[in-house]
C-alpha atoms as a PDB file:
ATOM      1  CA  UNK A   1      -6.963   4.809  -7.989  1.00  0.00           C
ATOM      2  CA  UNK A   2     -10.454   5.075  -6.446  1.00  0.00           C
ATOM      3  CA  UNK A   3      -9.412   2.651  -3.706  1.00  0.00           C
ATOM      4  CA  UNK A   4      -6.417   4.857  -2.916  1.00  0.00           C
ATOM      5  CA  UNK A   5      -8.549   7.991  -2.578  1.00  0.00           C
ATOM      6  CA  UNK A   6     -11.110   6.219  -0.375  1.00  0.00           C
ATOM      7  CA  UNK A   7      -8.350   4.860   1.862  1.00  0.00           C
ATOM      8  CA  UNK A   8      -6.752   8.309   2.230  1.00  0.00           C
ATOM      9  CA  UNK A   9     -10.125   9.848   3.048  1.00  0.00           C
ATOM     10  CA  UNK A  10     -10.824   7.217   5.699  1.00  0.00           C
ATOM     11  CA  UNK A  11      -7.420   7.768   7.304  1.00  0.00           C
ATOM     12  CA  UNK A  12      -7.901  11.536   7.361  1.00  0.00           C
ATOM     13  CA  UNK A  13     -11.325  11.147   8.987  1.00  0.00           C
ATOM     14  CA  UNK A  14      -9.741   9.022  11.695  1.00  0.00           C
ATOM     15  CA  UNK A  15      -6.886  11.464  12.279  1.00  0.00           C
ATOM     16  CA  UNK A  16      -8.592  13.725  14.879  1.00  0.00           C
ATOM     17  CA  UNK A  17      -8.873  10.799  17.287  1.00  0.00           C
ATOM     18  CA  UNK A  18      -5.074  10.764  17.583  1.00  0.00           C
ATOM     19  CA  UNK A  19      -4.723  14.456  18.401  1.00  0.00           C
ATOM     20  CA  UNK A  20      -4.369  13.834  22.127  1.00  0.00           C
ATOM     21  CA  UNK A  21      -0.958  12.218  21.613  1.00  0.00           C
ATOM     22  CA  UNK A  22       2.219  14.279  21.833  1.00  0.00           C
ATOM     23  CA  UNK A  23       4.207  14.992  18.708  1.00  0.00           C
ATOM     24  CA  UNK A  24       7.144  12.773  17.898  1.00  0.00           C
ATOM     25  CA  UNK A  25       7.627  11.145  21.276  1.00  0.00           C
ATOM     26  CA  UNK A  26      11.398  11.713  21.216  1.00  0.00           C
ATOM     27  CA  UNK A  27      12.017  11.991  24.958  1.00  0.00           C
ATOM     28  CA  UNK A  28      15.761  11.595  25.447  1.00  0.00           C
ATOM     29  CA  UNK A  29      15.166  10.085  28.912  1.00  0.00           C
ATOM     30  CA  UNK A  30      12.989   7.249  27.641  1.00  0.00           C
ATOM     31  CA  UNK A  31      13.341   4.318  25.295  1.00  0.00           C
ATOM     32  CA  UNK A  32      10.809   4.398  22.493  1.00  0.00           C
ATOM     33  CA  UNK A  33       9.007   1.816  20.431  1.00  0.00           C
ATOM     34  CA  UNK A  34       6.433   2.961  17.917  1.00  0.00           C
ATOM     35  CA  UNK A  35       4.325   1.449  15.191  1.00  0.00           C
ATOM     36  CA  UNK A  36       2.203   2.953  12.487  1.00  0.00           C
ATOM     37  CA  UNK A  37       0.305   2.638   9.229  1.00  0.00           C
ATOM     38  CA  UNK A  38       1.122   4.225   5.882  1.00  0.00           C
ATOM     39  CA  UNK A  39      -0.730   4.872   2.646  1.00  0.00           C
ATOM     40  CA  UNK A  40       0.667   6.721  -0.332  1.00  0.00           C
ATOM     41  CA  UNK A  41       1.307   7.175  -4.012  1.00  0.00           C
ATOM     42  CA  UNK A  42       4.354   6.121  -6.066  1.00  0.00           C
ATOM     43  CA  UNK A  43       5.839   7.533  -9.247  1.00  0.00           C
ATOM     44  CA  UNK A  44       8.063   4.745 -10.542  1.00  0.00           C
ATOM     45  CA  UNK A  45      10.314   4.064 -13.476  1.00  0.00           C
ATOM     46  CA  UNK A  46      12.889   1.639 -14.876  1.00  0.00           C
ATOM     47  CA  UNK A  47      16.345   2.591 -16.125  1.00  0.00           C
ATOM     48  CA  UNK A  48      19.083   0.777 -18.018  1.00  0.00           C
ATOM     49  CA  UNK A  49      18.845  -1.440 -21.089  1.00  0.00           C
ATOM     50  CA  UNK A  50      15.091  -1.915 -20.619  1.00  0.00           C
ATOM     51  CA  UNK A  51      14.413   1.735 -19.896  1.00  0.00           C
ATOM     52  CA  UNK A  52      10.837   2.948 -19.470  1.00  0.00           C
ATOM     53  CA  UNK A  53       9.938   6.096 -21.364  1.00  0.00           C
ATOM     54  CA  UNK A  54       6.864   6.615 -19.179  1.00  0.00           C
ATOM     55  CA  UNK A  55       6.612   6.257 -15.426  1.00  0.00           C
ATOM     56  CA  UNK A  56       4.032   4.194 -13.603  1.00  0.00           C
ATOM     57  CA  UNK A  57       1.803   5.676 -10.908  1.00  0.00           C
ATOM     58  CA  UNK A  58       0.879   3.220  -8.172  1.00  0.00           C
ATOM     59  CA  UNK A  59       0.047   3.023  -4.497  1.00  0.00           C
ATOM     60  CA  UNK A  60       1.651   1.976  -1.213  1.00  0.00           C
ATOM     61  CA  UNK A  61       0.080   0.339   1.829  1.00  0.00           C
ATOM     62  CA  UNK A  62       2.217  -0.490   4.848  1.00  0.00           C
ATOM     63  CA  UNK A  63       2.512  -1.269   8.495  1.00  0.00           C
ATOM     64  CA  UNK A  64       5.721  -0.129  10.215  1.00  0.00           C
ATOM     65  CA  UNK A  65       7.454  -0.610  13.541  1.00  0.00           C
ATOM     66  CA  UNK A  66      10.315   1.434  14.970  1.00  0.00           C
ATOM     67  CA  UNK A  67      12.746   0.867  17.811  1.00  0.00           C
ATOM     68  CA  UNK A  68      14.972   3.408  19.520  1.00  0.00           C
ATOM     69  CA  UNK A  69      18.590   2.240  19.263  1.00  0.00           C
ATOM     70  CA  UNK A  70      20.320   4.876  21.410  1.00  0.00           C
ATOM     71  CA  UNK A  71      19.708   6.096  24.947  1.00  0.00           C
ATOM     72  CA  UNK A  72      21.426   9.431  24.366  1.00  0.00           C
ATOM     73  CA  UNK A  73      20.213  10.552  20.926  1.00  0.00           C
ATOM     74  CA  UNK A  74      16.841  10.128  19.149  1.00  0.00           C
ATOM     75  CA  UNK A  75      18.094   7.476  16.710  1.00  0.00           C
ATOM     76  CA  UNK A  76      15.622   4.842  15.512  1.00  0.00           C
ATOM     77  CA  UNK A  77      15.606   1.679  13.420  1.00  0.00           C
ATOM     78  CA  UNK A  78      12.384   1.322  11.412  1.00  0.00           C
ATOM     79  CA  UNK A  79      11.132  -1.663   9.449  1.00  0.00           C
ATOM     80  CA  UNK A  80       7.770  -3.033   8.380  1.00  0.00           C
ATOM     81  CA  UNK A  81       5.891  -4.711   5.575  1.00  0.00           C
ATOM     82  CA  UNK A  82       4.968  -2.710   2.479  1.00  0.00           C
ATOM     83  CA  UNK A  83       2.748  -3.481  -0.475  1.00  0.00           C
ATOM     84  CA  UNK A  84       3.972  -1.189  -3.228  1.00  0.00           C
ATOM     85  CA  UNK A  85       3.173  -0.811  -6.930  1.00  0.00           C
ATOM     86  CA  UNK A  86       6.177   0.177  -9.023  1.00  0.00           C
ATOM     87  CA  UNK A  87       7.667  -0.253 -12.490  1.00  0.00           C
ATOM     88  CA  UNK A  88       7.329   1.664 -15.726  1.00  0.00           C
ATOM     89  CA  UNK A  89       5.585   1.713 -19.077  1.00  0.00           C
ATOM     90  CA  UNK A  90       6.869   1.355 -22.645  1.00  0.00           C
ATOM     91  CA  UNK A  91      10.124  -0.474 -21.953  1.00  0.00           C
ATOM     92  CA  UNK A  92      12.559   0.403 -24.724  1.00  0.00           C
ATOM     93  CA  UNK A  93      15.627  -1.452 -25.933  1.00  0.00           C
ATOM     94  CA  UNK A  94      14.229  -4.982 -26.192  1.00  0.00           C
ATOM     95  CA  UNK A  95      12.427  -6.714 -29.039  1.00  0.00           C
ATOM     96  CA  UNK A  96      10.318  -9.710 -28.134  1.00  0.00           C
ATOM     97  CA  UNK A  97      11.231 -12.535 -30.572  1.00  0.00           C
ATOM     98  CA  UNK A  98       7.733 -14.039 -30.358  1.00  0.00           C
ATOM     99  CA  UNK A  99       5.427 -11.047 -30.092  1.00  0.00           C
ATOM    100  CA  UNK A 100       7.721  -8.839 -32.180  1.00  0.00           C
ATOM    101  CA  UNK A 101       7.198  -5.936 -29.798  1.00  0.00           C
ATOM    102  CA  UNK A 102       9.784  -3.280 -29.137  1.00  0.00           C
ATOM    103  CA  UNK A 103       7.943  -1.555 -26.289  1.00  0.00           C
ATOM    104  CA  UNK A 104       6.441  -3.396 -23.343  1.00  0.00           C
ATOM    105  CA  UNK A 105       4.981  -2.434 -19.992  1.00  0.00           C
ATOM    106  CA  UNK A 106       6.785  -3.475 -16.821  1.00  0.00           C
ATOM    107  CA  UNK A 107       4.270  -3.295 -13.971  1.00  0.00           C
ATOM    108  CA  UNK A 108       5.516  -4.899 -10.765  1.00  0.00           C
ATOM    109  CA  UNK A 109       3.699  -5.165  -7.448  1.00  0.00           C
ATOM    110  CA  UNK A 110       6.006  -5.884  -4.533  1.00  0.00           C
ATOM    111  CA  UNK A 111       6.041  -6.949  -0.933  1.00  0.00           C
ATOM    112  CA  UNK A 112       8.873  -4.960   0.584  1.00  0.00           C
ATOM    113  CA  UNK A 113      10.788  -5.036   3.873  1.00  0.00           C
ATOM    114  CA  UNK A 114      12.998  -1.986   4.573  1.00  0.00           C
ATOM    115  CA  UNK A 115      15.490  -1.350   7.374  1.00  0.00           C
ATOM    116  CA  UNK A 116      16.046   2.399   7.659  1.00  0.00           C
ATOM    117  CA  UNK A 117      17.807   4.487  10.272  1.00  0.00           C
ATOM    118  CA  UNK A 118      15.917   7.617  11.359  1.00  0.00           C
ATOM    119  CA  UNK A 119      17.157  10.584  13.324  1.00  0.00           C
ATOM    120  CA  UNK A 120      14.497  12.722  14.983  1.00  0.00           C
ATOM    121  CA  UNK A 121      14.501  16.275  16.213  1.00  0.00           C
ATOM    122  CA  UNK A 122      11.718  18.636  17.263  1.00  0.00           C
ATOM    123  CA  UNK A 123      11.181  22.129  15.862  1.00  0.00           C
ATOM    124  CA  UNK A 124       9.843  25.085  17.837  1.00  0.00           C
ATOM    125  CA  UNK A 125       6.376  24.379  16.427  1.00  0.00           C
ATOM    126  CA  UNK A 126       6.430  20.830  17.885  1.00  0.00           C
ATOM    127  CA  UNK A 127       6.881  19.201  14.498  1.00  0.00           C
ATOM    128  CA  UNK A 128       9.235  16.223  14.507  1.00  0.00           C
ATOM    129  CA  UNK A 129      11.586  16.077  11.508  1.00  0.00           C
ATOM    130  CA  UNK A 130      12.863  12.592  10.675  1.00  0.00           C
ATOM    131  CA  UNK A 131      15.432  12.172   7.878  1.00  0.00           C
ATOM    132  CA  UNK A 132      16.175   8.526   7.092  1.00  0.00           C
ATOM    133  CA  UNK A 133      18.252   6.211   4.925  1.00  0.00           C
ATOM    134  CA  UNK A 134      18.645   2.457   4.594  1.00  0.00           C
ATOM    135  CA  UNK A 135      18.320  -0.670   2.431  1.00  0.00           C
ATOM    136  CA  UNK A 136      15.239  -2.569   1.351  1.00  0.00           C
ATOM    137  CA  UNK A 137      14.454  -6.014  -0.018  1.00  0.00           C
ATOM    138  CA  UNK A 138      11.361  -6.572  -2.129  1.00  0.00           C
ATOM    139  CA  UNK A 139       9.762  -9.548  -3.869  1.00  0.00           C
ATOM    140  CA  UNK A 140       7.424  -9.249  -6.844  1.00  0.00           C
ATOM    141  CA  UNK A 141       4.060 -10.900  -6.189  1.00  0.00           C
ATOM    142  CA  UNK A 142       1.982  -9.811  -9.198  1.00  0.00           C
ATOM    143  CA  UNK A 143       1.931  -7.612 -12.270  1.00  0.00           C
ATOM    144  CA  UNK A 144       3.411  -7.807 -15.751  1.00  0.00           C
ATOM    145  CA  UNK A 145       6.859  -9.183 -14.941  1.00  0.00           C
ATOM    146  CA  UNK A 146       7.460 -11.501 -17.897  1.00  0.00           C
ATOM    147  CA  UNK A 147      10.743  -9.775 -18.731  1.00  0.00           C
ATOM    148  CA  UNK A 148      11.716  -8.756 -15.199  1.00  0.00           C
ATOM    149  CA  UNK A 149      12.973 -10.770 -12.239  1.00  0.00           C
ATOM    150  CA  UNK A 150      10.927 -10.875  -9.066  1.00  0.00           C
ATOM    151  CA  UNK A 151      13.420  -9.923  -6.292  1.00  0.00           C
ATOM    152  CA  UNK A 152      14.924  -6.489  -5.944  1.00  0.00           C
ATOM    153  CA  UNK A 153      17.360  -4.949  -3.488  1.00  0.00           C
ATOM    154  CA  UNK A 154      18.131  -1.264  -3.153  1.00  0.00           C
ATOM    155  CA  UNK A 155      18.253   1.774  -0.921  1.00  0.00           C
ATOM    156  CA  UNK A 156      15.721   4.340   0.143  1.00  0.00           C
ATOM    157  CA  UNK A 157      16.282   7.817   1.513  1.00  0.00           C
ATOM    158  CA  UNK A 158      13.903  10.546   2.482  1.00  0.00           C
ATOM    159  CA  UNK A 159      12.479  12.682   5.230  1.00  0.00           C
ATOM    160  CA  UNK A 160       9.365  12.470   7.367  1.00  0.00           C
ATOM    161  CA  UNK A 161       7.371  15.037   9.342  1.00  0.00           C
ATOM    162  CA  UNK A 162       5.285  14.137  12.387  1.00  0.00           C
ATOM    163  CA  UNK A 163       2.789  16.279  14.287  1.00  0.00           C
ATOM    164  CA  UNK A 164       0.339  14.963  16.874  1.00  0.00           C
ATOM    165  CA  UNK A 165       1.131  11.447  15.666  1.00  0.00           C
ATOM    166  CA  UNK A 166       0.154  12.334  12.090  1.00  0.00           C
ATOM    167  CA  UNK A 167       2.969  11.465   9.715  1.00  0.00           C
ATOM    168  CA  UNK A 168       3.949  12.600   6.196  1.00  0.00           C
ATOM    169  CA  UNK A 169       7.048  11.587   4.267  1.00  0.00           C
ATOM    170  CA  UNK A 170       8.741  11.857   0.888  1.00  0.00           C
ATOM    171  CA  UNK A 171      11.001   8.965  -0.102  1.00  0.00           C
ATOM    172  CA  UNK A 172      13.219   8.108  -3.068  1.00  0.00           C
ATOM    173  CA  UNK A 173      14.135   4.484  -3.826  1.00  0.00           C
ATOM    174  CA  UNK A 174      16.756   3.187  -6.221  1.00  0.00           C
ATOM    175  CA  UNK A 175      17.449  -0.462  -6.969  1.00  0.00           C
ATOM    176  CA  UNK A 176      20.979  -1.842  -7.099  1.00  0.00           C
ATOM    177  CA  UNK A 177      20.196  -5.333  -8.393  1.00  0.00           C
ATOM    178  CA  UNK A 178      19.581  -6.198 -12.032  1.00  0.00           C
ATOM    179  CA  UNK A 179      15.862  -6.878 -12.561  1.00  0.00           C
ATOM    180  CA  UNK A 180      16.091  -7.702 -16.291  1.00  0.00           C
ATOM    181  CA  UNK A 181      15.368 -11.389 -16.859  1.00  0.00           C
ATOM    182  CA  UNK A 182      17.987 -11.725 -19.604  1.00  0.00           C
ATOM    183  CA  UNK A 183      21.769 -12.107 -19.210  1.00  0.00           C
ATOM    184  CA  UNK A 184      22.555  -9.541 -21.878  1.00  0.00           C
ATOM    185  CA  UNK A 185      20.412  -6.796 -20.303  1.00  0.00           C
ATOM    186  CA  UNK A 186      20.782  -4.716 -17.173  1.00  0.00           C
ATOM    187  CA  UNK A 187      17.936  -2.685 -15.678  1.00  0.00           C
ATOM    188  CA  UNK A 188      17.197  -1.104 -12.317  1.00  0.00           C
ATOM    189  CA  UNK A 189      14.064   0.286 -10.748  1.00  0.00           C
ATOM    190  CA  UNK A 190      13.656   3.726  -9.207  1.00  0.00           C
ATOM    191  CA  UNK A 191      10.734   5.305  -7.438  1.00  0.00           C
ATOM    192  CA  UNK A 192       9.573   8.528  -5.798  1.00  0.00           C
ATOM    193  CA  UNK A 193       6.889   8.115  -3.151  1.00  0.00           C
ATOM    194  CA  UNK A 194       4.751  10.311  -0.903  1.00  0.00           C
ATOM    195  CA  UNK A 195       3.225   8.551   2.095  1.00  0.00           C
ATOM    196  CA  UNK A 196       0.752   9.664   4.740  1.00  0.00           C
ATOM    197  CA  UNK A 197       0.038   7.847   7.969  1.00  0.00           C
ATOM    198  CA  UNK A 198      -0.341   7.702  11.730  1.00  0.00           C
ATOM    199  CA  UNK A 199       2.187   6.696  14.398  1.00  0.00           C
ATOM    200  CA  UNK A 200       1.162   5.164  17.726  1.00  0.00           C
END
């Protein structure tokens, strides 16, 4: 967690250099392309047959790119590449035949590619509000995934706030694919995240 705090501190120290940019950038007379960086914290869990009775706290690092998809309304398609730590602890409902354990940890670190649709509008205080929804595809690259499959598909929904190119969002993710590595079990991941970043 020390790395997460140092990264957040470094990003906040760099934030004043972006203050000269206008908020949001949602000019209805212009086409917009933006990109940005994100860092945040996750509060994950696993539900289903291999349900976690304790959530896992992890981090997110990401680079994103967005493209305006309408000339008449501020509608954007955003994607990017995320490194995200998810999963849960003390998986219940499964007994390992070799280790004779009934509770196991399911820590999964993913590379994730989302494709969310964002709608932006500006408040009187020049804060851009950006609700969003869309699917994601992620692939496990490390962690304790002995009893869990690597790929996961799901949906994410949330809302972002942008002011002077500084960005803050809350997002909820829920998996729709079975990540249990056994035919007789069905489990799905879920995650609540808070991300901070900068848009350019």
